[in-house]
Each structure stands twice: as structure tokens, then as C-alpha cells.
Amino acid sequence: MNWSNDGEILPLKGDGQGRYRVRITGNSGVGKSTLAKKLSIALGYAPVLHMDEIFWQPGWATASTMEFNSKLQDFLRSNEGGSCIIDGNYRSEIDWGMKEMNDLTDVIWLDPPLLVYFWGLFGRTLRRLLGLEAPCSEGCPERWSEAFFSKKSIIWWCVTNHQRFREGNEGYMKKAEGGSIRWLRFSGWNFTRKRDEWLRAVRMIVKQV
């Protein structure tokens, strides 16, 4: 896609006042958290909330729906005057009636083919098992018994839910058409190139503000 910083195809919609309130979605292992960190820098170190960190509690316990949404709302409210980024899915946990969620300006959907990101997910899982990379949330270490040889494995979940997740997000994206929140989807075998070109375009619009 040819991005235009002074036309209709902006890399981020924003609110027209230089504020970008972004949610990044996509299957496990596609690079949501990595993109969130890079986008944060591009937006002048905008605050980031990784939703894994408020959902998963030490020992792989889960936060209650009320607790999860309270922390999510607190983050969005505390950053309502500027740009911010949330990454993660949690479709069934998020309170979609929350005003702050409807004040988002952009949703970035990372949707590469399974083979494009599978080995990255495999490598991340291995690094976490070896203690070379932090877990998704504090106190939630990966376990050898579950990482590769169990249906609780994130790898198994990723593979078996890839198509279902894609079909679900296609529905949500279509439903959002014409609304106040713009969806942008990165897919295909040239996924990485398109994502990186987009990020460079974001940096350009921020420089112009």
C-alpha cells in the first residue's frame, strides 16, 4: 500500500489532534508485543499495556473479568489526553461497552500466514523455557511438560485456532466498517515488508505534527 501523509490513506487514523489510541490484535506469536514497543517509540514513547500482564497472575492464575476490565480502564483513563497502545485479544473478557474502548482510534490486525510466524513462536517458547526471555506475565514461566507435549501448549493453541481466529476477526473488521475506529490488516507472504513500511510511514506523520 502506498501511504499518503497528506491524503486519505493515513497509516494511523488518530483523532485529528495528533493523538493515536491503538489496539494491536492477532494470533499468539505474530509479534503484537514487539510491534507495540516499536510503535510506542514511533509515537514518542506512548504508554503501552500488554493485556497478558493484567490477565495472567502468578502461577498461571487468571484475573477476574471485573479486575481485568478495571485495570484496562484505569490504563486508558490515565492516558486519555494522549496516545497509548494496548496489545492482546481477550475478546470474551473485555467489556466492549466501556467508553474508553470505544474511544480507540485504530486497530492494527497482524494476520500473517501460519508458516510465516510459526517458527518465531517456536523459538520464543524455547527461549522462555531456557530463561532467555521473560514470560508473558510475571510469575508465569513456561513448562516443558506443557510447551510441546500438551493441548495446553501455546503452540498447539496457535495452530488449531489460526483459522478460527482469522474468521472471527474478519467478522469484527467488517462490523467496524464506517465506524469511528479504523481497522488495518497486515497479511500475506510479504507481511513483514508491509508491516515495516507502515511503521516507517507512522514515523513520518509523527515528525510532521
C-alpha atoms as a PDB file:
ATOM      1  CA  MET A   1       0.000   0.000   0.000  1.00  0.00           C
ATOM      2  CA  ASN A   2       1.214   3.498  -0.796  1.00  0.00           C
ATOM      3  CA  TRP A   3       0.793   5.550   2.341  1.00  0.00           C
ATOM      4  CA  SER A   4      -0.139   9.212   1.988  1.00  0.00           C
ATOM      5  CA  ASN A   5       0.616  11.567   4.851  1.00  0.00           C
ATOM      6  CA  ASP A   6      -1.479  14.365   3.381  1.00  0.00           C
ATOM      7  CA  GLY A   7      -4.268  12.404   1.739  1.00  0.00           C
ATOM      8  CA  GLU A   8      -6.884   9.805   2.540  1.00  0.00           C
ATOM      9  CA  ILE A   9      -4.668   6.778   3.233  1.00  0.00           C
ATOM     10  CA  LEU A  10      -3.011   7.645   6.534  1.00  0.00           C
ATOM     11  CA  PRO A  11      -1.006   4.945   8.329  1.00  0.00           C
ATOM     12  CA  LEU A  12      -2.944   5.790  11.504  1.00  0.00           C
ATOM     13  CA  LYS A  13      -6.325   7.484  11.692  1.00  0.00           C
ATOM     14  CA  GLY A  14      -5.901   9.098  15.103  1.00  0.00           C
ATOM     15  CA  ASP A  15      -8.318  11.668  16.461  1.00  0.00           C
ATOM     16  CA  GLY A  16      -7.217  14.515  14.201  1.00  0.00           C
ATOM     17  CA  GLN A  17      -5.405  16.187  17.099  1.00  0.00           C
ATOM     18  CA  GLY A  18      -2.200  14.169  16.981  1.00  0.00           C
ATOM     19  CA  ARG A  19      -3.414  11.508  19.419  1.00  0.00           C
ATOM     20  CA  TYR A  20      -3.377   7.843  18.452  1.00  0.00           C
ATOM     21  CA  ARG A  21      -5.147   5.325  20.657  1.00  0.00           C
ATOM     22  CA  VAL A  22      -4.280   1.940  19.213  1.00  0.00           C
ATOM     23  CA  ARG A  23      -5.143  -1.698  19.853  1.00  0.00           C
ATOM     24  CA  ILE A  24      -2.959  -4.395  18.292  1.00  0.00           C
ATOM     25  CA  THR A  25      -4.584  -7.774  17.732  1.00  0.00           C
ATOM     26  CA  GLY A  26      -3.539 -11.064  16.148  1.00  0.00           C
ATOM     27  CA  ASN A  27      -2.969 -14.721  16.939  1.00  0.00           C
ATOM     28  CA  SER A  28      -0.374 -15.750  19.517  1.00  0.00           C
ATOM     29  CA  GLY A  29       3.181 -15.319  18.308  1.00  0.00           C
ATOM     30  CA  VAL A  30       2.542 -12.915  15.415  1.00  0.00           C
ATOM     31  CA  GLY A  31       4.525 -10.116  17.048  1.00  0.00           C
ATOM     32  CA  LYS A  32       1.903  -7.979  18.795  1.00  0.00           C
ATOM     33  CA  SER A  33       4.061  -7.037  21.774  1.00  0.00           C
ATOM     34  CA  THR A  34       7.118  -6.400  19.598  1.00  0.00           C
ATOM     35  CA  LEU A  35       5.140  -4.098  17.319  1.00  0.00           C
ATOM     36  CA  ALA A  36       3.589  -2.354  20.326  1.00  0.00           C
ATOM     37  CA  LYS A  37       7.056  -1.488  21.627  1.00  0.00           C
ATOM     38  CA  LYS A  38       8.224  -0.208  18.239  1.00  0.00           C
ATOM     39  CA  LEU A  39       5.044   1.777  17.727  1.00  0.00           C
ATOM     40  CA  SER A  40       5.416   3.261  21.189  1.00  0.00           C
ATOM     41  CA  ILE A  41       8.830   4.640  20.234  1.00  0.00           C
ATOM     42  CA  ALA A  42       7.469   5.935  16.912  1.00  0.00           C
ATOM     43  CA  LEU A  43       4.730   7.793  18.797  1.00  0.00           C
ATOM     44  CA  GLY A  44       7.155   9.458  21.186  1.00  0.00           C
ATOM     45  CA  TYR A  45       7.228   6.673  23.765  1.00  0.00           C
ATOM     46  CA  ALA A  46       3.462   6.354  24.085  1.00  0.00           C
ATOM     47  CA  PRO A  47       2.421   4.212  27.076  1.00  0.00           C
ATOM     48  CA  VAL A  48       1.835   0.524  26.324  1.00  0.00           C
ATOM     49  CA  LEU A  49      -0.343  -2.008  28.112  1.00  0.00           C
ATOM     50  CA  HIS A  50       0.291  -5.674  27.318  1.00  0.00           C
ATOM     51  CA  MET A  51      -3.028  -7.239  28.281  1.00  0.00           C
ATOM     52  CA  ASP A  52      -1.341 -10.567  29.076  1.00  0.00           C
ATOM     53  CA  GLU A  53       0.201  -8.821  32.074  1.00  0.00           C
ATOM     54  CA  ILE A  54      -3.152  -7.875  33.620  1.00  0.00           C
ATOM     55  CA  PHE A  55      -4.905 -11.141  32.784  1.00  0.00           C
ATOM     56  CA  TRP A  56      -2.322 -13.715  33.881  1.00  0.00           C
ATOM     57  CA  GLN A  57      -1.466 -13.758  37.579  1.00  0.00           C
ATOM     58  CA  PRO A  58       1.469 -15.610  39.212  1.00  0.00           C
ATOM     59  CA  GLY A  59       1.182 -19.374  38.862  1.00  0.00           C
ATOM     60  CA  TRP A  60      -0.963 -19.023  35.740  1.00  0.00           C
ATOM     61  CA  ALA A  61      -3.986 -17.909  37.735  1.00  0.00           C
ATOM     62  CA  THR A  62      -6.348 -15.622  35.833  1.00  0.00           C
ATOM     63  CA  ALA A  63      -7.741 -12.258  36.831  1.00  0.00           C
ATOM     64  CA  SER A  64     -11.485 -11.974  37.246  1.00  0.00           C
ATOM     65  CA  THR A  65     -13.346 -10.216  34.457  1.00  0.00           C
ATOM     66  CA  MET A  66     -14.042  -7.303  36.798  1.00  0.00           C
ATOM     67  CA  GLU A  67     -10.391  -6.972  37.850  1.00  0.00           C
ATOM     68  CA  PHE A  68      -9.171  -7.255  34.267  1.00  0.00           C
ATOM     69  CA  ASN A  69     -11.506  -4.552  32.991  1.00  0.00           C
ATOM     70  CA  SER A  70     -10.788  -2.302  35.951  1.00  0.00           C
ATOM     71  CA  LYS A  71      -7.056  -2.346  35.161  1.00  0.00           C
ATOM     72  CA  LEU A  72      -7.705  -1.879  31.448  1.00  0.00           C
ATOM     73  CA  GLN A  73      -9.995   1.069  32.106  1.00  0.00           C
ATOM     74  CA  ASP A  74      -7.525   2.627  34.562  1.00  0.00           C
ATOM     75  CA  PHE A  75      -4.798   2.485  31.913  1.00  0.00           C
ATOM     76  CA  LEU A  76      -6.950   4.045  29.203  1.00  0.00           C
ATOM     77  CA  ARG A  77      -8.290   6.746  31.522  1.00  0.00           C
ATOM     78  CA  SER A  78      -4.856   7.679  32.808  1.00  0.00           C
ATOM     79  CA  ASN A  79      -3.724   8.226  29.223  1.00  0.00           C
ATOM     80  CA  GLU A  80      -6.869   9.790  27.777  1.00  0.00           C
ATOM     81  CA  GLY A  81      -5.058  13.046  26.983  1.00  0.00           C
ATOM     82  CA  GLY A  82      -2.510  11.488  24.666  1.00  0.00           C
ATOM     83  CA  SER A  83      -1.536   8.500  22.560  1.00  0.00           C
ATOM     84  CA  CYS A  84      -1.460   4.998  24.028  1.00  0.00           C
ATOM     85  CA  ILE A  85      -1.303   1.389  22.863  1.00  0.00           C
ATOM     86  CA  ILE A  86      -2.850  -1.828  24.106  1.00  0.00           C
ATOM     87  CA  ASP A  87      -1.911  -5.219  22.715  1.00  0.00           C
ATOM     88  CA  GLY A  88      -3.716  -8.506  23.041  1.00  0.00           C
ATOM     89  CA  ASN A  89      -7.028 -10.135  22.189  1.00  0.00           C
ATOM     90  CA  TYR A  90      -9.250 -11.141  25.126  1.00  0.00           C
ATOM     91  CA  ARG A  91     -12.447 -10.701  23.111  1.00  0.00           C
ATOM     92  CA  SER A  92     -14.558 -12.556  25.675  1.00  0.00           C
ATOM     93  CA  GLU A  93     -13.075 -10.732  28.672  1.00  0.00           C
ATOM     94  CA  ILE A  94     -13.144  -7.102  27.514  1.00  0.00           C
ATOM     95  CA  ASP A  95     -16.175  -5.016  28.421  1.00  0.00           C
ATOM     96  CA  TRP A  96     -16.978  -3.635  24.966  1.00  0.00           C
ATOM     97  CA  GLY A  97     -19.489  -1.220  26.444  1.00  0.00           C
ATOM     98  CA  MET A  98     -16.617   0.567  28.177  1.00  0.00           C
ATOM     99  CA  LYS A  99     -16.455   4.146  26.861  1.00  0.00           C
ATOM    100  CA  GLU A 100     -12.678   4.101  26.814  1.00  0.00           C
ATOM    101  CA  MET A 101     -12.596   1.131  24.436  1.00  0.00           C
ATOM    102  CA  ASN A 102     -14.917   2.949  22.059  1.00  0.00           C
ATOM    103  CA  ASP A 103     -12.596   5.966  22.186  1.00  0.00           C
ATOM    104  CA  LEU A 104      -9.839   3.983  20.472  1.00  0.00           C
ATOM    105  CA  THR A 105      -8.919   5.357  17.055  1.00  0.00           C
ATOM    106  CA  ASP A 106      -7.164   2.425  15.376  1.00  0.00           C
ATOM    107  CA  VAL A 107      -6.998  -1.365  15.455  1.00  0.00           C
ATOM    108  CA  ILE A 108      -3.941  -2.996  13.872  1.00  0.00           C
ATOM    109  CA  TRP A 109      -4.531  -6.637  12.974  1.00  0.00           C
ATOM    110  CA  LEU A 110      -1.413  -8.747  12.396  1.00  0.00           C
ATOM    111  CA  ASP A 111      -2.555 -11.652  10.237  1.00  0.00           C
ATOM    112  CA  PRO A 112       0.397 -13.389   8.538  1.00  0.00           C
ATOM    113  CA  PRO A 113       0.141 -16.945   7.175  1.00  0.00           C
ATOM    114  CA  LEU A 114       0.783 -19.565   9.842  1.00  0.00           C
ATOM    115  CA  LEU A 115       4.097 -20.633   8.309  1.00  0.00           C
ATOM    116  CA  VAL A 116       5.381 -17.042   8.431  1.00  0.00           C
ATOM    117  CA  TYR A 117       5.201 -16.794  12.204  1.00  0.00           C
ATOM    118  CA  PHE A 118       5.164 -20.399  13.435  1.00  0.00           C
ATOM    119  CA  TRP A 119       8.937 -20.740  13.809  1.00  0.00           C
ATOM    120  CA  GLY A 120       9.133 -17.396  15.566  1.00  0.00           C
ATOM    121  CA  LEU A 121       6.581 -18.659  18.079  1.00  0.00           C
ATOM    122  CA  PHE A 122       8.503 -21.929  18.460  1.00  0.00           C
ATOM    123  CA  GLY A 123      11.731 -20.008  19.095  1.00  0.00           C
ATOM    124  CA  ARG A 124      10.100 -17.672  21.603  1.00  0.00           C
ATOM    125  CA  THR A 125       8.691 -20.648  23.520  1.00  0.00           C
ATOM    126  CA  LEU A 126      12.117 -22.285  23.625  1.00  0.00           C
ATOM    127  CA  ARG A 127      13.807 -19.074  24.822  1.00  0.00           C
ATOM    128  CA  ARG A 128      11.261 -18.733  27.602  1.00  0.00           C
ATOM    129  CA  LEU A 129      11.778 -22.341  28.656  1.00  0.00           C
ATOM    130  CA  LEU A 130      15.534 -21.719  28.856  1.00  0.00           C
ATOM    131  CA  GLY A 131      15.061 -18.479  30.791  1.00  0.00           C
ATOM    132  CA  LEU A 132      16.462 -16.382  27.954  1.00  0.00           C
ATOM    133  CA  GLU A 133      13.282 -14.350  27.542  1.00  0.00           C
ATOM    134  CA  ALA A 134      10.772 -13.069  30.080  1.00  0.00           C
ATOM    135  CA  PRO A 135       7.420 -14.890  30.289  1.00  0.00           C
ATOM    136  CA  CYS A 136       4.218 -13.264  29.070  1.00  0.00           C
ATOM    137  CA  SER A 137       3.453 -12.176  32.625  1.00  0.00           C
ATOM    138  CA  GLU A 138       5.416 -12.138  35.876  1.00  0.00           C
ATOM    139  CA  GLY A 139       5.306 -15.453  37.719  1.00  0.00           C
ATOM    140  CA  CYS A 140       4.070 -17.420  34.691  1.00  0.00           C
ATOM    141  CA  PRO A 141       7.034 -19.475  33.464  1.00  0.00           C
ATOM    142  CA  GLU A 142       6.695 -21.845  30.540  1.00  0.00           C
ATOM    143  CA  ARG A 143       6.763 -25.535  31.470  1.00  0.00           C
ATOM    144  CA  TRP A 144       8.473 -28.229  29.418  1.00  0.00           C
ATOM    145  CA  SER A 145       5.620 -30.635  30.102  1.00  0.00           C
ATOM    146  CA  GLU A 146       3.113 -28.258  28.548  1.00  0.00           C
ATOM    147  CA  ALA A 147       5.127 -26.336  25.978  1.00  0.00           C
ATOM    148  CA  PHE A 148       5.323 -29.033  23.325  1.00  0.00           C
ATOM    149  CA  PHE A 149       3.546 -32.157  24.519  1.00  0.00           C
ATOM    150  CA  SER A 150       0.191 -30.932  25.767  1.00  0.00           C
ATOM    151  CA  LYS A 151      -3.004 -29.460  24.400  1.00  0.00           C
ATOM    152  CA  LYS A 152      -2.353 -26.611  26.854  1.00  0.00           C
ATOM    153  CA  SER A 153       0.648 -25.682  24.712  1.00  0.00           C
ATOM    154  CA  ILE A 154       0.548 -22.189  23.225  1.00  0.00           C
ATOM    155  CA  ILE A 155       1.952 -23.726  20.039  1.00  0.00           C
ATOM    156  CA  TRP A 156      -0.915 -26.227  19.846  1.00  0.00           C
ATOM    157  CA  TRP A 157      -3.414 -23.459  20.561  1.00  0.00           C
ATOM    158  CA  CYS A 158      -1.911 -21.264  17.860  1.00  0.00           C
ATOM    159  CA  VAL A 159      -2.010 -23.962  15.184  1.00  0.00           C
ATOM    160  CA  THR A 160      -5.509 -25.218  15.971  1.00  0.00           C
ATOM    161  CA  ASN A 161      -7.043 -21.753  16.335  1.00  0.00           C
ATOM    162  CA  HIS A 162      -5.338 -19.966  13.436  1.00  0.00           C
ATOM    163  CA  GLN A 163      -8.246 -20.180  11.002  1.00  0.00           C
ATOM    164  CA  ARG A 164     -10.954 -19.727  13.619  1.00  0.00           C
ATOM    165  CA  PHE A 165      -9.241 -16.609  14.934  1.00  0.00           C
ATOM    166  CA  ARG A 166      -8.897 -15.213  11.407  1.00  0.00           C
ATOM    167  CA  GLU A 167     -12.557 -15.786  10.601  1.00  0.00           C
ATOM    168  CA  GLY A 168     -13.591 -14.149  13.870  1.00  0.00           C
ATOM    169  CA  ASN A 169     -11.536 -11.034  13.250  1.00  0.00           C
ATOM    170  CA  GLU A 170     -12.796 -10.788   9.670  1.00  0.00           C
ATOM    171  CA  GLY A 171     -16.291 -10.533  11.135  1.00  0.00           C
ATOM    172  CA  TYR A 172     -15.280  -7.888  13.665  1.00  0.00           C
ATOM    173  CA  MET A 173     -13.460  -5.889  10.988  1.00  0.00           C
ATOM    174  CA  LYS A 174     -16.461  -5.930   8.681  1.00  0.00           C
ATOM    175  CA  LYS A 175     -18.755  -4.877  11.507  1.00  0.00           C
ATOM    176  CA  ALA A 176     -16.465  -1.903  12.250  1.00  0.00           C
ATOM    177  CA  GLU A 177     -16.657  -0.544   8.699  1.00  0.00           C
ATOM    178  CA  GLY A 178     -17.881   3.037   8.654  1.00  0.00           C
ATOM    179  CA  GLY A 179     -17.413   3.407  12.395  1.00  0.00           C
ATOM    180  CA  SER A 180     -15.143   5.670  14.400  1.00  0.00           C
ATOM    181  CA  ILE A 181     -12.421   3.038  14.862  1.00  0.00           C
ATOM    182  CA  ARG A 182     -10.393   2.150  11.793  1.00  0.00           C
ATOM    183  CA  TRP A 183      -9.085  -1.375  11.287  1.00  0.00           C
ATOM    184  CA  LEU A 184      -5.880  -2.015   9.371  1.00  0.00           C
ATOM    185  CA  ARG A 185      -4.927  -5.593   8.462  1.00  0.00           C
ATOM    186  CA  PHE A 186      -1.460  -6.868   7.557  1.00  0.00           C
ATOM    187  CA  SER A 187      -1.488 -10.283   5.904  1.00  0.00           C
ATOM    188  CA  GLY A 188       0.067 -12.297   3.081  1.00  0.00           C
ATOM    189  CA  TRP A 189       3.524 -13.714   2.474  1.00  0.00           C
ATOM    190  CA  ASN A 190       5.007 -10.201   2.318  1.00  0.00           C
ATOM    191  CA  PHE A 191       3.514  -9.444   5.737  1.00  0.00           C
ATOM    192  CA  THR A 192       6.839  -8.358   7.265  1.00  0.00           C
ATOM    193  CA  ARG A 193       7.640  -5.888   4.485  1.00  0.00           C
ATOM    194  CA  LYS A 194       4.167  -4.326   4.608  1.00  0.00           C
ATOM    195  CA  ARG A 195       4.272  -4.009   8.393  1.00  0.00           C
ATOM    196  CA  ASP A 196       7.714  -2.360   8.327  1.00  0.00           C
ATOM    197  CA  GLU A 197       6.718   0.046   5.548  1.00  0.00           C
ATOM    198  CA  TRP A 198       3.701   1.027   7.601  1.00  0.00           C
ATOM    199  CA  LEU A 199       5.819   1.656  10.694  1.00  0.00           C
ATOM    200  CA  ARG A 200       8.121   3.927   8.695  1.00  0.00           C
ATOM    201  CA  ALA A 201       5.074   5.843   7.471  1.00  0.00           C
ATOM    202  CA  VAL A 202       3.890   6.262  11.075  1.00  0.00           C
ATOM    203  CA  ARG A 203       7.254   7.782  11.987  1.00  0.00           C
ATOM    204  CA  MET A 204       6.830  10.257   9.142  1.00  0.00           C
ATOM    205  CA  ILE A 205       3.408  11.508  10.238  1.00  0.00           C
ATOM    206  CA  VAL A 206       4.657  11.975  13.802  1.00  0.00           C
ATOM    207  CA  LYS A 207       7.554  14.101  12.553  1.00  0.00           C
ATOM    208  CA  GLN A 208       5.083  16.314  10.717  1.00  0.00           C
ATOM    209  CA  VAL A 209       2.913  17.007  13.766  1.00  0.00           C
END
